[in-house]
């Protein structure tokens, strides 16, 4: 369902009424302090925080692929056969040679993006747990 301008305005008004931005400011201050204490870049932490708040406002949740990558990384770390493990074998077998090449390239790009996201999130989750 596509959100209309009227719906977006109503959601924004609700965020203001419920103190969403005050809570964000408090959490941002706490995370800045934690980052400083951990010797981490406050700017990187702020970019990460802004992305998380933006995702919340847009109503986005982690996609299934990212969750699969995250689970694999938490359980086994970075593995040499990550692309093979993430390949949908049933789908892959239906593809032509060129389509298989394209699929593998797209899967690799998607994996690298998920890996970068995981590293950013894991770094700040670990800091947040250590600091608070």
Protein backbone atom coordinates (compact mmCIF):
# COMPACT_ATOMS: atom_id res chain seq x y z
CA UNK A 1 0.00 0.00 0.00
CA UNK A 2 1.40 3.36 -1.01
CA UNK A 3 1.31 6.04 1.65
CA UNK A 4 -0.31 9.32 0.61
CA UNK A 5 0.86 12.78 1.57
CA UNK A 6 -2.06 13.03 4.00
CA UNK A 7 -1.05 9.76 5.66
CA UNK A 8 2.57 10.86 5.91
CA UNK A 9 1.52 14.15 7.51
CA UNK A 10 -0.65 12.32 10.03
CA UNK A 11 2.24 9.99 10.91
CA UNK A 12 4.57 12.99 11.36
CA UNK A 13 2.05 14.67 13.65
CA UNK A 14 1.79 11.50 15.75
CA UNK A 15 5.58 11.34 16.06
CA UNK A 16 5.62 14.91 17.35
CA UNK A 17 2.78 14.29 19.82
CA UNK A 18 4.42 11.17 21.22
CA UNK A 19 7.81 12.82 21.71
CA UNK A 20 9.57 10.79 19.03
CA UNK A 21 12.09 13.54 18.28
CA UNK A 22 12.86 14.17 21.95
CA UNK A 23 13.53 10.47 22.40
CA UNK A 24 15.74 10.48 19.30
CA UNK A 25 17.73 13.43 20.62
CA UNK A 26 18.22 11.73 24.00
CA UNK A 27 19.28 8.46 22.35
CA UNK A 28 21.62 10.28 19.96
CA UNK A 29 23.29 12.09 22.87
CA UNK A 30 23.75 8.82 24.73
CA UNK A 31 25.17 7.10 21.64
CA UNK A 32 27.55 10.01 21.01
CA UNK A 33 28.79 9.71 24.58
CA UNK A 34 29.20 5.93 24.22
CA UNK A 35 31.07 6.34 20.94
CA UNK A 36 33.39 8.93 22.50
CA UNK A 37 34.06 6.66 25.49
CA UNK A 38 34.77 3.70 23.18
CA UNK A 39 37.11 5.78 21.00
CA UNK A 40 34.84 5.48 17.96
CA UNK A 41 34.04 8.07 15.34
CA UNK A 42 31.02 10.12 16.42
CA UNK A 43 30.31 11.03 12.80
CA UNK A 44 30.09 7.38 11.75
CA UNK A 45 27.83 6.65 14.68
CA UNK A 46 25.62 9.62 13.74
CA UNK A 47 25.30 8.41 10.13
CA UNK A 48 24.36 4.96 11.40
CA UNK A 49 21.81 6.47 13.80
CA UNK A 50 20.27 8.68 11.10
CA UNK A 51 19.89 5.63 8.83
CA UNK A 52 18.15 3.69 11.63
CA UNK A 53 15.76 6.57 12.39
CA UNK A 54 15.04 7.02 8.67
CA UNK A 55 14.25 3.31 8.34
CA UNK A 56 11.90 3.58 11.33
CA UNK A 57 10.07 6.55 9.82
CA UNK A 58 9.73 4.80 6.47
CA UNK A 59 8.44 1.72 8.26
CA UNK A 60 11.18 -0.45 6.82
CA UNK A 61 12.26 -3.67 8.45
CA UNK A 62 15.33 -5.74 7.65
CA UNK A 63 14.75 -7.77 4.50
CA UNK A 64 14.86 -11.55 4.47
CA UNK A 65 18.18 -11.68 2.58
CA UNK A 66 19.90 -9.40 5.10
CA UNK A 67 18.57 -11.47 8.00
CA UNK A 68 19.93 -14.63 6.35
CA UNK A 69 23.36 -13.02 5.89
CA UNK A 70 23.33 -11.69 9.45
CA UNK A 71 22.50 -15.13 10.87
CA UNK A 72 25.30 -16.73 8.84
CA UNK A 73 27.83 -14.10 9.96
CA UNK A 74 26.86 -14.35 13.62
CA UNK A 75 27.01 -18.16 13.61
CA UNK A 76 30.02 -18.76 11.40
CA UNK A 77 31.70 -15.45 10.60
CA UNK A 78 32.81 -14.61 7.09
CA UNK A 79 33.07 -17.82 5.07
CA UNK A 80 34.74 -18.41 1.72
CA UNK A 81 31.64 -20.00 0.20
CA UNK A 82 29.10 -17.35 1.25
CA UNK A 83 27.73 -16.87 -2.28
CA UNK A 84 27.24 -20.61 -2.68
CA UNK A 85 25.40 -20.81 0.62
CA UNK A 86 23.14 -17.89 -0.31
CA UNK A 87 22.33 -19.17 -3.80
CA UNK A 88 18.76 -20.30 -4.35
CA UNK A 89 19.68 -23.63 -5.98
CA UNK A 90 16.21 -24.39 -7.35
CA UNK A 91 16.05 -21.02 -9.09
CA UNK A 92 19.70 -21.14 -10.18
CA UNK A 93 19.23 -24.46 -12.00
CA UNK A 94 16.47 -22.96 -14.18
CA UNK A 95 18.75 -20.20 -15.53
CA UNK A 96 20.74 -20.06 -18.76
CA UNK A 97 24.53 -19.65 -18.61
CA UNK A 98 24.29 -15.85 -19.02
CA UNK A 99 21.50 -15.60 -16.46
CA UNK A 100 23.56 -17.65 -13.98
CA UNK A 101 26.46 -15.23 -14.43
CA UNK A 102 24.18 -12.24 -13.88
CA UNK A 103 22.50 -13.90 -10.88
CA UNK A 104 25.86 -14.64 -9.26
CA UNK A 105 27.10 -11.09 -9.85
CA UNK A 106 23.90 -9.57 -8.42
CA UNK A 107 24.01 -11.94 -5.44
CA UNK A 108 27.65 -10.98 -4.81
CA UNK A 109 26.80 -7.28 -4.86
CA UNK A 110 23.84 -7.85 -2.57
CA UNK A 111 26.02 -9.90 -0.19
CA UNK A 112 28.73 -7.23 -0.06
CA UNK A 113 26.12 -4.56 0.76
CA UNK A 114 24.64 -6.77 3.48
CA UNK A 115 28.13 -7.48 4.86
CA UNK A 116 28.92 -3.76 5.08
CA UNK A 117 25.57 -3.10 6.76
CA UNK A 118 26.22 -5.92 9.22
CA UNK A 119 29.66 -4.56 10.10
CA UNK A 120 28.22 -1.07 10.74
CA UNK A 121 25.33 -2.36 12.81
CA UNK A 122 27.38 -4.91 14.74
CA UNK A 123 29.98 -2.30 15.65
CA UNK A 124 27.36 0.04 17.10
CA UNK A 125 25.29 -2.70 18.73
CA UNK A 126 28.41 -3.95 20.48
CA UNK A 127 29.28 -0.40 21.60
CA UNK A 128 25.76 0.22 22.84
CA UNK A 129 25.78 -3.01 24.89
CA UNK A 130 29.21 -2.23 26.34
CA UNK A 131 28.26 1.36 27.19
CA UNK A 132 24.80 0.80 28.52
